[in-house]
Protein backbone atom coordinates (compact mmCIF):
# COMPACT_ATOMS: atom_id res chain seq x y z
CA MET A 1 -15.00 18.85 16.49
CA SER A 2 -15.54 21.77 14.18
CA GLU A 3 -13.14 22.66 11.39
CA ASP A 4 -11.89 25.73 13.30
CA LYS A 5 -10.86 23.81 16.42
CA GLU A 6 -9.24 20.89 14.62
CA THR A 7 -5.56 20.45 15.45
CA PRO A 8 -3.05 20.24 12.59
CA GLU A 9 -2.25 16.60 13.46
CA ARG A 10 -5.91 15.58 13.34
CA ARG A 11 -6.38 17.47 10.09
CA ARG A 12 -3.41 15.68 8.46
CA GLU A 13 -4.76 12.31 9.59
CA ARG A 14 -8.25 13.12 8.32
CA LEU A 15 -6.91 14.23 4.93
CA LYS A 16 -4.71 11.14 4.72
CA HIS A 17 -7.68 8.84 5.38
CA GLU A 18 -9.80 10.66 2.80
CA GLU A 19 -7.03 10.31 0.20
CA VAL A 20 -6.68 6.59 0.88
CA LYS A 21 -10.43 6.15 0.40
CA ARG A 22 -10.34 8.05 -2.91
CA ASN A 23 -7.18 6.44 -4.28
CA PRO A 24 -6.44 2.92 -2.94
CA THR A 25 -3.80 2.20 -5.59
CA GLY A 26 -1.88 5.26 -4.44
CA ASN A 27 -1.72 3.65 -1.02
CA MET A 28 -0.19 0.53 -2.57
CA ASN A 29 2.34 2.70 -4.40
CA ASP A 30 3.22 4.41 -1.12
CA ALA A 31 3.65 1.02 0.52
CA PHE A 32 6.06 -0.13 -2.19
CA ASN A 33 8.03 3.11 -1.96
CA ARG A 34 8.14 2.88 1.83
CA ASN A 35 9.52 -0.65 1.55
CA ASN A 36 12.28 0.57 -0.77
CA GLU A 37 13.27 3.20 1.76
CA ALA A 38 13.09 0.95 4.83
CA GLY A 39 14.23 -2.28 3.17
CA ASN A 40 12.15 -4.78 5.10
CA LEU A 41 9.45 -7.06 3.76
CA SER A 42 7.40 -7.07 6.96
CA GLY A 43 6.93 -3.31 6.62
CA LEU A 44 5.56 -3.82 3.12
CA ALA A 45 3.16 -6.53 4.25
CA GLY A 46 1.96 -4.47 7.19
CA SER A 47 1.37 -1.33 5.20
CA LEU A 48 -0.43 -3.00 2.29
CA GLY A 49 -3.15 -4.65 4.34
CA TRP A 50 -4.71 -7.99 3.54
CA LYS A 51 -6.13 -6.98 0.14
CA GLY A 52 -2.90 -5.50 -1.10
CA LEU A 53 -0.90 -8.44 0.17
CA GLY A 54 -3.30 -10.83 -1.58
CA ILE A 55 -2.87 -8.92 -4.85
CA LEU A 56 0.90 -8.95 -4.44
CA ILE A 57 0.98 -12.72 -3.83
CA THR A 58 -1.33 -13.32 -6.81
CA VAL A 59 0.88 -11.24 -9.10
CA LEU A 60 3.98 -13.09 -7.89
CA ILE A 61 2.38 -16.50 -8.53
CA ILE A 62 1.15 -15.49 -12.01
CA GLY A 63 4.59 -14.04 -12.80
CA PHE A 64 6.27 -17.26 -11.70
CA ILE A 65 3.95 -19.34 -13.91
CA VAL A 66 4.53 -17.09 -16.94
CA VAL A 67 8.31 -17.16 -16.48
CA SER A 68 8.36 -20.94 -16.04
CA LEU A 69 6.34 -21.39 -19.26
CA PHE A 70 8.75 -19.23 -21.26
CA LEU A 71 11.86 -20.95 -19.89
CA LYS A 72 10.74 -24.51 -20.75
């Protein structure tokens, strides 16, 4: 498809994918914000992907260890 015949929907999707490739942390920020709006944890896990979910779990585990060391 050429640029002239591209539909607005396809153009939005293409620009969204390009932005995600350029700024992966922005995608994680969007996922956190989307979770706050929707209020469900499964939406957060689905929108983050496996890498983002792994980072989130790692941060939670490290945070738990740090908090448990300070509260001893």
